[in-house]
Amino acid sequence: MRLAIAGFIHETVTFLPEETPLALFEAQALRGGALLSDLAGSATVAGGFIDAVAAAGVETQGLVWSDVSPSGPVTDAAFDAFLAEIIEGLRADAHRIDGLLLHLHGAMATPTRLDPEADFLAALRAALGPEFPIALALDLHANVSVEMLAGADLVCGFHQSPHVDMNETGRRTARLMIGKLRGEIRPVMAIAKPPLVLPSIFTATALEPLASIKARAKALEAETGLLDISVFTGFAYADVPAIGFAVVAVADGDKARAEAAVGELAAMIRAARDDLFKRELILDHETAVAQAVVRAAEASRPVVLLEHADRMNDSTYVLRALARRPGPRVAVPYLWDPESVAAALAAGPGAEIDLQLGGTSSARAGGPVPLRARVAFAGPKRFTGTGPMRKGAPVDLGDCAVLVAGLITIVATSRQISAIDLDPFHQFGLDPLDFDIIVLRSKTHFRAAYEAIADRILIAETPDWGPADLATLPYRHARAGVYPLTG
């Protein structure tokens, strides 16, 4: 038996003005043997695919894998190129490949496609035949459609956010696929879509009542003998018809059992609707900064200040507010600003330069902050990730710079990436415990590394494109009745 492995992964913020081009996917792409060697044993879905297939004594074939940070709509050229490459790779070795293990995010959008993952699967089916086996792993934040399920033999999603179970999701997806191909199981699926979508900040799976919903899904799986149950919270910042929660169950030949399970969980989600919105956790950014400064003066560990609405890692509301409040030692890891990085490279380490930092990805990003900074480091940075979600995976920041402006230390990058582990400090010889305040732009993933070192976490609301208040966003495609968007 031989299984092909591929991934084309993007979480699309449809409101952002700039599209995500083919070049960004190419810069992150791994192909063939490099895919298998670089991702084996990593915390990624691909790592789980590879590990499970090897454990089962099955051969693997790497096709192509590219995972790009959340950003604006994926260009149709990028979609077409990766779809064509995967189809070509499967056709070229059709006589040797028994099935495909595929990772898609589930919340992609392009300028002409509102359900591109479903289109991707439909095109694979059209090219390879309706019986060609496809197993699909999706992100917990996928906006899962009925059409998406129709294109796969089985679908499994992450169970946790932070996504510390990506490898495990890859493993269980691969195990089910191998079981199907060996004739040991006959997967059938059911889906329910309760009309609700959560802002990303409320999708941490340790929060109640989401934690209880997840626990009930796991219990139902054991009680009913289902092969898998995935609860997807949806991605609120992709304005698409399938937006929002979905529950998918995989049964062994008994679709009625799968339907009963997704129906029970969908009812549980509907009943918990208001409690799932943890609005009490959110502060306006000026209040959050003020509280962080006061607390930092007393705390023995850093205060984490989360600018959660930032989708491009360049918002400047919190940075600007902190620059007006001298006193605390502040770290701002992974601020996306290619122009400032280029200026730092030109000036070189040790130079003092005047910069206009961040805030350029859109009109909502806050605008640049003028700062004079010393260049502590400037150059390319590539390393193997060490955190709970990037462990063992290659990380390429491209050119980057460590900039020191008084008591504020900024790691500026030319490739946009979220700080979800301690690598932004350790890879540059910094210690996060040396800082009073750490400014992050993650939503839930930072918790896997930073909860353990933080005195407390303060969540700042800003007017960027990922707010907790979804009523501030101009939805056009979300289906009627999805709370709190249209009903």
Protein backbone atom coordinates (compact mmCIF):
# COMPACT_ATOMS: atom_id res chain seq x y z
CA MET A 1 0.00 0.00 0.00
CA ARG A 2 1.24 3.49 -0.85
CA LEU A 3 -0.31 6.79 0.30
CA ALA A 4 0.41 10.23 -1.09
CA ILE A 5 0.66 13.20 1.28
CA ALA A 6 -0.20 16.79 0.37
CA GLY A 7 -1.24 20.04 2.02
CA PHE A 8 -2.40 23.47 0.86
CA ILE A 9 -3.26 25.40 4.01
CA HIS A 10 -4.51 28.92 4.51
CA GLU A 11 -6.87 30.68 6.93
CA THR A 12 -8.26 33.58 4.90
CA VAL A 13 -9.29 36.94 6.31
CA THR A 14 -11.55 38.03 3.48
CA PHE A 15 -11.80 41.61 4.76
CA LEU A 16 -8.08 42.32 4.29
CA PRO A 17 -7.36 44.39 1.16
CA GLU A 18 -4.20 42.61 -0.04
CA GLU A 19 -4.38 39.17 -1.69
CA THR A 20 -2.06 36.30 -0.75
CA PRO A 21 -0.01 35.49 -3.87
CA LEU A 22 1.47 32.29 -5.25
CA ALA A 23 4.96 33.49 -4.31
CA LEU A 24 4.18 33.27 -0.59
CA PHE A 25 3.03 29.67 -0.93
CA GLU A 26 6.09 28.82 -3.02
CA ALA A 27 8.36 30.33 -0.37
CA GLN A 28 6.89 27.94 2.23
CA ALA A 29 6.54 24.88 -0.01
CA LEU A 30 8.12 21.48 0.64
CA ARG A 31 8.06 18.82 -2.05
CA GLY A 32 8.79 15.12 -2.48
CA GLY A 33 11.41 13.69 -0.20
CA ALA A 34 12.02 17.05 1.50
CA LEU A 35 8.39 17.08 2.63
CA LEU A 36 8.80 13.66 4.24
CA SER A 37 12.21 14.26 5.79
CA ASP A 38 11.61 17.80 7.06
CA LEU A 39 8.19 17.15 8.62
CA ALA A 40 8.53 13.58 9.93
CA GLY A 41 8.19 13.59 13.70
CA SER A 42 7.11 17.25 13.79
CA ALA A 43 4.08 18.63 15.61
CA THR A 44 2.34 19.21 12.27
CA VAL A 45 -0.47 17.30 10.57
CA ALA A 46 2.07 16.13 8.01
CA GLY A 47 4.20 14.81 10.85
CA GLY A 48 1.22 12.79 12.06
CA PHE A 49 0.47 11.48 8.57
CA ILE A 50 4.06 10.38 8.09
CA ASP A 51 4.44 8.85 11.55
CA ALA A 52 1.19 6.84 11.39
CA VAL A 53 1.85 5.55 7.88
CA ALA A 54 5.35 4.44 8.87
CA ALA A 55 4.03 2.71 11.99
CA ALA A 56 1.54 0.78 9.85
CA GLY A 57 4.23 -0.39 7.45
CA VAL A 58 2.73 1.59 4.57
CA GLU A 59 4.79 3.44 1.94
CA THR A 60 4.52 7.20 1.55
CA GLN A 61 4.95 9.60 -1.32
CA GLY A 62 5.38 13.31 -0.69
CA LEU A 63 3.64 15.57 -3.21
CA VAL A 64 3.66 19.19 -2.02
CA TRP A 65 3.01 20.95 1.28
CA SER A 66 2.59 24.67 1.89
CA ASP A 67 1.18 26.38 4.98
CA VAL A 68 0.97 30.19 4.89
CA SER A 69 0.07 32.44 7.82
CA PRO A 70 -3.43 33.98 7.88
CA SER A 71 -3.78 36.89 5.46
CA GLY A 72 -6.02 38.21 2.70
CA PRO A 73 -7.76 36.18 -0.02
CA VAL A 74 -5.62 33.56 -1.77
CA THR A 75 -5.12 34.42 -5.42
CA ASP A 76 -6.81 32.17 -7.92
CA ALA A 77 -3.39 31.63 -9.48
CA ALA A 78 -2.09 30.10 -6.23
CA PHE A 79 -5.17 27.90 -5.88
CA ASP A 80 -4.95 26.70 -9.48
CA ALA A 81 -1.20 26.04 -9.30
CA PHE A 82 -1.28 23.87 -6.19
CA LEU A 83 -4.40 22.02 -7.31
CA ALA A 84 -2.80 21.26 -10.68
CA GLU A 85 0.44 20.14 -9.05
CA ILE A 86 -1.32 17.69 -6.73
CA ILE A 87 -3.45 16.28 -9.54
CA GLU A 88 -0.41 15.90 -11.77
CA GLY A 89 1.54 14.17 -9.01
CA LEU A 90 -1.27 11.72 -8.35
CA ARG A 91 -1.82 10.99 -12.03
CA ALA A 92 1.88 10.48 -12.69
CA ASP A 93 2.04 7.62 -10.21
CA ALA A 94 -1.59 6.52 -10.35
CA HIS A 95 -0.61 2.87 -10.71
CA ARG A 96 1.31 2.99 -7.42
CA ILE A 97 -0.81 5.31 -5.23
CA ASP A 98 -3.72 3.85 -3.28
CA GLY A 99 -5.03 7.05 -1.71
CA LEU A 100 -4.36 10.63 -0.63
CA LEU A 101 -3.83 12.04 2.86
CA LEU A 102 -4.67 15.73 2.45
CA HIS A 103 -4.50 18.66 4.84
CA LEU A 104 -6.55 21.75 4.05
CA HIS A 105 -7.39 24.44 6.59
CA GLY A 106 -11.11 24.67 5.84
CA ALA A 107 -11.35 28.47 5.99
CA MET A 108 -9.76 29.47 2.70
CA ALA A 109 -11.30 31.94 0.26
CA THR A 110 -10.19 33.29 -3.11
CA PRO A 111 -11.51 36.26 -5.10
CA THR A 112 -13.80 33.96 -7.10
CA ARG A 113 -14.42 31.08 -4.68
CA LEU A 114 -16.35 31.12 -1.39
CA ASP A 115 -15.80 27.41 -0.70
CA PRO A 116 -12.44 26.68 -2.32
CA GLU A 117 -11.70 23.56 -0.28
CA ALA A 118 -14.91 22.01 -1.61
CA ASP A 119 -13.91 23.08 -5.12
CA PHE A 120 -10.43 21.62 -4.55
CA LEU A 121 -11.87 18.25 -3.53
CA ALA A 122 -14.40 18.27 -6.37
CA ALA A 123 -11.60 18.89 -8.87
CA LEU A 124 -9.56 16.02 -7.40
CA ARG A 125 -12.57 13.74 -7.74
CA ALA A 126 -13.20 14.84 -11.32
CA ALA A 127 -9.57 14.21 -12.26
CA LEU A 128 -9.02 10.96 -10.35
CA GLY A 129 -12.45 9.38 -10.37
CA PRO A 130 -15.19 9.21 -7.74
CA GLU A 131 -13.76 6.11 -6.07
CA PHE A 132 -10.26 7.47 -5.46
CA PRO A 133 -9.75 7.44 -1.65
CA ILE A 134 -9.20 10.83 0.00
CA ALA A 135 -8.81 11.40 3.74
CA LEU A 136 -8.98 15.02 4.85
CA ALA A 137 -7.60 16.69 7.98
CA LEU A 138 -9.04 20.11 8.81
CA ASP A 139 -8.32 22.89 11.31
CA LEU A 140 -10.65 23.33 14.29
CA HIS A 141 -11.44 26.77 12.81
CA ALA A 142 -12.65 25.36 9.49
CA ASN A 143 -15.93 26.62 8.01
CA VAL A 144 -17.04 23.15 6.99
CA SER A 145 -19.63 22.80 4.24
CA VAL A 146 -21.74 19.82 3.19
CA GLU A 147 -20.02 20.03 -0.20
CA MET A 148 -16.62 19.75 1.43
CA LEU A 149 -17.62 16.48 3.07
CA ALA A 150 -18.94 15.16 -0.21
CA GLY A 151 -15.45 15.31 -1.68
CA ALA A 152 -13.72 13.19 0.98
CA ASP A 153 -14.08 9.63 2.25
CA LEU A 154 -13.47 10.77 5.80
CA VAL A 155 -12.84 14.07 7.59
CA CYS A 156 -11.09 14.64 10.92
CA GLY A 157 -10.48 17.97 12.66
CA PHE A 158 -8.25 19.26 15.40
CA HIS A 159 -9.81 18.82 18.83
CA GLN A 160 -7.85 21.50 20.66
CA SER A 161 -7.08 25.19 20.47
CA PRO A 162 -4.22 25.93 20.98
CA HIS A 163 -3.65 23.37 18.21
CA VAL A 164 -1.31 21.14 20.18
CA ASP A 165 -2.95 18.05 18.67
CA MET A 166 -2.10 18.61 15.00
CA ASN A 167 0.21 15.60 14.88
CA GLU A 168 -2.40 13.47 16.63
CA THR A 169 -5.05 14.62 14.12
CA GLY A 170 -2.77 13.58 11.26
CA ARG A 171 -2.22 10.23 12.93
CA ARG A 172 -5.87 9.41 13.45
CA THR A 173 -6.79 10.57 9.94
CA ALA A 174 -4.11 8.28 8.50
CA ARG A 175 -5.10 5.34 10.73
CA LEU A 176 -8.72 5.58 9.58
CA MET A 177 -7.63 5.79 5.94
CA ILE A 178 -5.46 2.71 6.32
CA GLY A 179 -8.31 0.89 8.03
CA LYS A 180 -10.60 1.75 5.14
CA LEU A 181 -8.12 0.61 2.51
CA ARG A 182 -7.52 -2.66 4.35
CA GLY A 183 -11.25 -3.31 4.49
CA GLU A 184 -11.36 -3.14 8.29
CA ILE A 185 -13.83 -0.23 8.43
CA ARG A 186 -16.39 1.40 6.15
CA PRO A 187 -16.43 5.13 7.01
CA VAL A 188 -19.64 7.11 6.55
CA MET A 189 -20.15 10.68 7.74
CA ALA A 190 -22.81 13.05 9.04
CA ILE A 191 -22.67 16.80 9.58
CA ALA A 192 -24.70 19.33 11.56
CA LYS A 193 -24.22 23.10 11.40
CA PRO A 194 -25.65 25.01 14.36
CA PRO A 195 -26.08 28.66 13.26
CA LEU A 196 -23.35 30.27 15.34
CA VAL A 197 -19.78 31.52 14.84
CA LEU A 198 -17.32 32.51 17.55
CA PRO A 199 -14.63 35.17 17.35
CA SER A 200 -11.29 33.37 17.47
CA ILE A 201 -10.48 34.78 20.90
CA PHE A 202 -13.36 32.77 22.40
CA THR A 203 -12.36 29.44 20.81
CA ALA A 204 -9.75 28.37 23.37
CA THR A 205 -11.01 24.88 24.13
CA ALA A 206 -10.22 25.14 27.85
CA LEU A 207 -12.91 27.84 28.17
CA GLU A 208 -16.34 26.78 29.36
CA PRO A 209 -18.81 25.86 28.02
CA LEU A 210 -16.73 24.92 24.95
CA ALA A 211 -14.66 22.58 27.12
CA SER A 212 -17.81 20.68 28.16
CA ILE A 213 -19.01 20.46 24.55
CA LYS A 214 -15.66 19.00 23.55
CA ALA A 215 -15.76 16.57 26.47
CA ARG A 216 -19.23 15.41 25.49
CA ALA A 217 -18.05 14.79 21.92
CA LYS A 218 -15.24 12.57 23.21
CA ALA A 219 -17.62 10.71 25.51
CA LEU A 220 -20.15 10.20 22.69
CA GLU A 221 -17.43 8.75 20.50
CA ALA A 222 -16.65 6.15 23.17
CA GLU A 223 -20.28 5.45 24.12
CA THR A 224 -21.55 4.95 20.57
CA GLY A 225 -18.53 3.32 18.96
CA LEU A 226 -18.06 6.09 16.42
CA LEU A 227 -14.74 6.26 14.62
CA ASP A 228 -14.34 10.01 15.11
CA ILE A 229 -16.21 13.17 16.14
CA SER A 230 -14.90 16.65 15.35
CA VAL A 231 -16.40 19.89 16.65
CA PHE A 232 -15.39 22.83 14.43
CA THR A 233 -15.88 26.34 15.80
CA GLY A 234 -15.60 28.01 12.39
CA PHE A 235 -13.55 31.04 11.40
CA ALA A 236 -15.40 34.31 11.87
CA TYR A 237 -13.17 36.41 9.59
CA ALA A 238 -13.82 34.50 6.37
CA ASP A 239 -17.04 35.96 5.01
CA VAL A 240 -18.44 32.82 3.36
CA PRO A 241 -21.79 31.00 3.33
CA ALA A 242 -20.48 28.03 5.37
CA ILE A 243 -19.22 30.27 8.18
CA GLY A 244 -19.54 28.94 11.72
CA PHE A 245 -19.77 25.85 13.84
CA ALA A 246 -19.99 22.36 12.40
CA VAL A 247 -20.04 18.92 13.97
CA VAL A 248 -18.80 16.01 11.87
CA ALA A 249 -19.04 12.39 12.93
CA VAL A 250 -17.48 9.38 11.19
CA ALA A 251 -19.18 6.03 11.75
CA ASP A 252 -18.34 2.51 10.65
CA GLY A 253 -21.13 1.92 8.15
CA ASP A 254 -23.93 3.26 10.42
CA LYS A 255 -24.86 6.74 9.24
CA ALA A 256 -27.86 6.96 11.57
CA ARG A 257 -25.51 6.65 14.54
CA ALA A 258 -23.37 9.49 13.19
CA GLU A 259 -26.46 11.64 12.58
CA ALA A 260 -27.70 11.11 16.13
CA ALA A 261 -24.36 12.18 17.58
CA VAL A 262 -24.01 15.37 15.52
CA GLY A 263 -27.63 16.24 16.30
CA GLU A 264 -27.05 15.97 20.05
CA LEU A 265 -23.91 18.08 19.94
CA ALA A 266 -25.48 20.71 17.68
CA ALA A 267 -28.34 21.09 20.17
CA MET A 268 -25.83 21.45 22.99
CA ILE A 269 -24.03 24.22 21.07
CA ARG A 270 -27.29 26.07 20.35
CA ALA A 271 -28.28 25.91 24.02
CA ALA A 272 -24.90 27.32 25.10
CA ARG A 273 -24.97 30.12 22.53
CA ASP A 274 -24.76 33.15 24.84
CA ASP A 275 -22.33 31.56 27.30
CA LEU A 276 -19.84 30.74 24.51
CA PHE A 277 -19.20 34.48 24.08
CA LYS A 278 -16.80 35.33 26.93
CA ARG A 279 -17.17 39.09 26.51
CA GLU A 280 -16.02 39.73 30.06
CA LEU A 281 -12.47 38.78 29.00
CA ILE A 282 -12.13 41.73 26.60
CA LEU A 283 -10.85 45.21 27.49
CA ASP A 284 -10.52 48.27 25.28
CA HIS A 285 -6.85 48.65 24.40
CA GLU A 286 -6.18 51.79 26.42
CA THR A 287 -7.64 50.18 29.55
CA ALA A 288 -5.70 46.98 28.91
CA VAL A 289 -2.43 48.91 28.53
CA ALA A 290 -3.08 50.94 31.68
CA GLN A 291 -3.82 47.79 33.70
CA ALA A 292 -0.76 46.03 32.28
CA VAL A 293 1.55 48.89 33.27
CA VAL A 294 0.18 48.99 36.81
CA ARG A 295 0.38 45.24 37.25
CA ALA A 296 3.84 45.00 35.70
CA ALA A 297 5.21 47.33 38.38
CA GLU A 298 4.23 44.77 41.03
CA ALA A 299 4.58 41.41 39.25
CA SER A 300 7.58 39.10 39.31
CA ARG A 301 6.70 37.59 35.91
CA PRO A 302 5.72 39.20 32.61
CA VAL A 303 2.23 40.47 31.93
CA VAL A 304 1.02 39.25 28.54
CA LEU A 305 -0.85 41.94 26.65
CA LEU A 306 -2.76 40.40 23.75
CA GLU A 307 -3.63 42.53 20.72
CA HIS A 308 -5.93 39.77 19.50
CA ALA A 309 -7.76 41.55 16.66
CA ASP A 310 -4.54 41.89 14.65
CA ARG A 311 -4.68 39.44 11.72
CA MET A 312 -1.42 40.45 10.01
CA ASN A 313 0.94 40.80 12.99
CA ASP A 314 1.50 44.49 12.38
CA SER A 315 -1.14 46.39 14.37
CA THR A 316 0.26 49.26 16.40
CA TYR A 317 -2.44 50.38 18.83
CA VAL A 318 -0.80 48.76 21.85
CA LEU A 319 2.74 49.64 20.78
CA ARG A 320 1.79 53.30 20.40
CA ALA A 321 0.09 53.35 23.80
CA LEU A 322 3.09 51.72 25.49
CA ALA A 323 5.55 54.10 23.80
CA ARG A 324 3.72 56.93 25.57
CA ARG A 325 4.18 55.22 28.95
CA PRO A 326 7.91 54.90 29.71
CA GLY A 327 8.82 52.57 32.53
CA PRO A 328 8.10 48.90 31.87
CA ARG A 329 10.48 46.73 29.86
CA VAL A 330 8.42 45.71 26.84
CA ALA A 331 8.93 42.92 24.30
CA VAL A 332 7.09 42.97 20.96
CA PRO A 333 7.97 39.71 19.19
CA TYR A 334 7.24 39.22 15.50
CA LEU A 335 6.05 42.60 14.32
CA TRP A 336 5.64 42.30 10.54
CA ASP A 337 7.39 45.22 8.87
CA PRO A 338 9.51 44.44 5.76
CA GLU A 339 10.47 48.09 5.22
CA SER A 340 11.87 48.52 8.73
CA VAL A 341 13.73 45.23 8.40
CA ALA A 342 15.29 46.45 5.15
CA ALA A 343 16.35 49.70 6.84
CA ALA A 344 17.94 47.76 9.70
CA LEU A 345 19.81 45.51 7.27
CA ALA A 346 21.12 48.54 5.39
CA ALA A 347 22.25 50.24 8.60
CA GLY A 348 23.72 47.14 10.23
CA PRO A 349 24.00 45.99 13.87
CA GLY A 350 24.81 48.78 16.31
CA ALA A 351 23.34 51.53 14.19
CA GLU A 352 20.73 53.95 15.52
CA ILE A 353 17.95 54.53 12.99
CA ASP A 354 14.64 56.38 12.82
CA LEU A 355 11.77 54.11 11.85
CA GLN A 356 8.06 54.20 11.13
CA LEU A 357 7.11 50.83 12.61
CA GLY A 358 4.19 48.62 11.59
CA GLY A 359 0.56 49.48 10.99
CA THR A 360 0.51 49.35 7.18
CA SER A 361 -1.41 46.18 6.27
CA SER A 362 -4.72 48.05 6.11
CA ALA A 363 -6.41 51.26 7.22
CA ARG A 364 -7.46 49.46 10.41
CA ALA A 365 -3.93 48.43 11.45
CA GLY A 366 -3.24 51.60 13.44
CA GLY A 367 -0.68 53.30 11.23
CA PRO A 368 3.09 53.46 11.73
CA VAL A 369 4.64 54.37 15.09
CA PRO A 370 7.71 56.65 14.89
CA LEU A 371 10.56 55.28 17.00
CA ARG A 372 14.32 55.69 17.12
CA ALA A 373 15.89 52.29 17.64
CA ARG A 374 19.25 50.59 17.91
CA VAL A 375 19.75 47.61 15.61
CA ALA A 376 20.76 44.69 17.85
CA PHE A 377 20.48 42.08 15.08
CA ALA A 378 19.78 42.15 11.37
CA GLY A 379 19.83 39.24 8.96
CA PRO A 380 18.08 36.04 7.92
CA LYS A 381 16.79 33.65 10.58
CA ARG A 382 15.90 30.02 9.97
CA PHE A 383 15.56 27.38 12.65
CA THR A 384 13.70 24.26 13.75
CA GLY A 385 10.71 25.11 15.92
CA THR A 386 10.74 24.12 19.57
CA GLY A 387 7.28 25.13 20.82
CA PRO A 388 4.21 22.94 21.37
CA MET A 389 2.77 23.72 17.91
CA ARG A 390 5.93 24.15 15.80
CA LYS A 391 8.15 21.52 17.41
CA GLY A 392 10.35 19.83 14.83
CA ALA A 393 9.07 21.90 11.90
CA PRO A 394 11.26 24.25 9.85
CA VAL A 395 10.63 27.96 10.57
CA ASP A 396 11.89 30.57 8.14
CA LEU A 397 11.44 34.19 9.22
CA GLY A 398 13.31 35.47 6.19
CA ASP A 399 15.22 38.66 6.92
CA CYS A 400 14.46 40.06 10.34
CA ALA A 401 15.77 42.56 12.89
CA VAL A 402 15.91 42.96 16.65
CA LEU A 403 15.28 46.63 17.36
CA VAL A 404 15.77 48.26 20.78
CA ALA A 405 13.93 51.54 21.32
CA GLY A 406 14.62 52.55 24.92
CA LEU A 407 12.99 49.86 27.06
CA ILE A 408 11.03 48.41 24.11
CA THR A 409 12.52 45.45 22.21
CA ILE A 410 10.90 44.56 18.89
CA VAL A 411 11.57 41.52 16.70
CA ALA A 412 10.61 42.80 13.25
CA THR A 413 10.12 40.28 10.44
CA SER A 414 9.82 40.40 6.67
CA ARG A 415 7.49 37.36 6.70
CA GLN A 416 4.41 37.67 8.81
CA ILE A 417 4.12 35.06 11.55
CA SER A 418 2.51 34.89 14.98
CA ALA A 419 4.50 34.48 18.18
CA ILE A 420 2.94 31.32 19.63
CA ASP A 421 6.00 29.93 21.41
CA LEU A 422 9.17 31.20 23.06
CA ASP A 423 11.32 30.95 19.93
CA PRO A 424 11.05 34.70 19.20
CA PHE A 425 13.09 35.17 22.37
CA HIS A 426 15.36 32.14 22.52
CA GLN A 427 16.43 32.21 18.87
CA PHE A 428 17.79 35.74 19.38
CA GLY A 429 19.43 35.16 22.76
CA LEU A 430 16.63 36.89 24.68
CA ASP A 431 14.91 35.75 27.87
CA PRO A 432 11.15 36.42 28.09
CA LEU A 433 11.44 36.67 31.88
CA ASP A 434 13.61 39.77 31.47
CA PHE A 435 10.56 41.74 30.32
CA ASP A 436 7.70 43.27 32.30
CA ILE A 437 5.18 43.24 29.43
CA ILE A 438 5.07 40.96 26.38
CA VAL A 439 2.84 42.12 23.51
CA LEU A 440 1.41 39.21 21.51
CA ARG A 441 -0.94 39.02 18.53
CA SER A 442 -2.13 35.44 18.75
CA LYS A 443 -5.70 34.44 19.57
CA THR A 444 -5.49 31.16 21.48
CA HIS A 445 -2.26 29.46 20.38
CA PHE A 446 0.01 31.63 22.54
CA ARG A 447 -1.53 29.99 25.62
CA ALA A 448 0.34 26.73 25.01
CA ALA A 449 3.65 28.47 25.81
CA TYR A 450 2.89 31.74 27.58
CA GLU A 451 0.33 30.79 30.23
CA ALA A 452 3.11 29.04 32.15
CA ILE A 453 5.30 32.15 32.36
CA ALA A 454 2.72 34.95 32.53
CA ASP A 455 1.68 36.74 35.71
CA ARG A 456 -1.60 37.38 33.94
CA ILE A 457 -3.05 37.78 30.46
CA LEU A 458 -4.90 40.94 29.45
CA ILE A 459 -6.84 40.91 26.18
CA ALA A 460 -7.00 44.20 24.30
CA GLU A 461 -9.73 44.94 21.76
CA THR A 462 -8.67 47.11 18.82
CA PRO A 463 -10.49 48.13 15.63
CA ASP A 464 -8.49 45.78 13.40
CA TRP A 465 -9.95 43.00 11.20
CA GLY A 466 -10.22 40.28 13.87
CA PRO A 467 -12.33 41.86 16.63
CA ALA A 468 -14.41 40.18 19.29
CA ASP A 469 -17.30 42.40 18.25
CA LEU A 470 -18.23 40.85 14.91
CA ALA A 471 -20.91 43.50 14.35
CA THR A 472 -18.13 45.89 13.29
CA LEU A 473 -17.33 43.81 10.17
CA PRO A 474 -19.04 44.24 6.75
CA TYR A 475 -20.33 40.71 6.06
CA ARG A 476 -21.93 40.11 2.65
CA HIS A 477 -21.89 36.33 2.12
CA ALA A 478 -22.66 34.80 5.52
CA ARG A 479 -25.88 32.80 5.36
CA ALA A 480 -28.95 34.16 7.10
CA GLY A 481 -29.48 33.31 10.74
CA VAL A 482 -25.87 32.83 11.85
CA TYR A 483 -25.50 34.41 15.29
CA PRO A 484 -24.27 37.08 15.90
CA LEU A 485 -23.81 38.09 12.25
CA THR A 486 -27.26 38.03 10.71
CA GLY A 487 -29.69 36.93 13.38
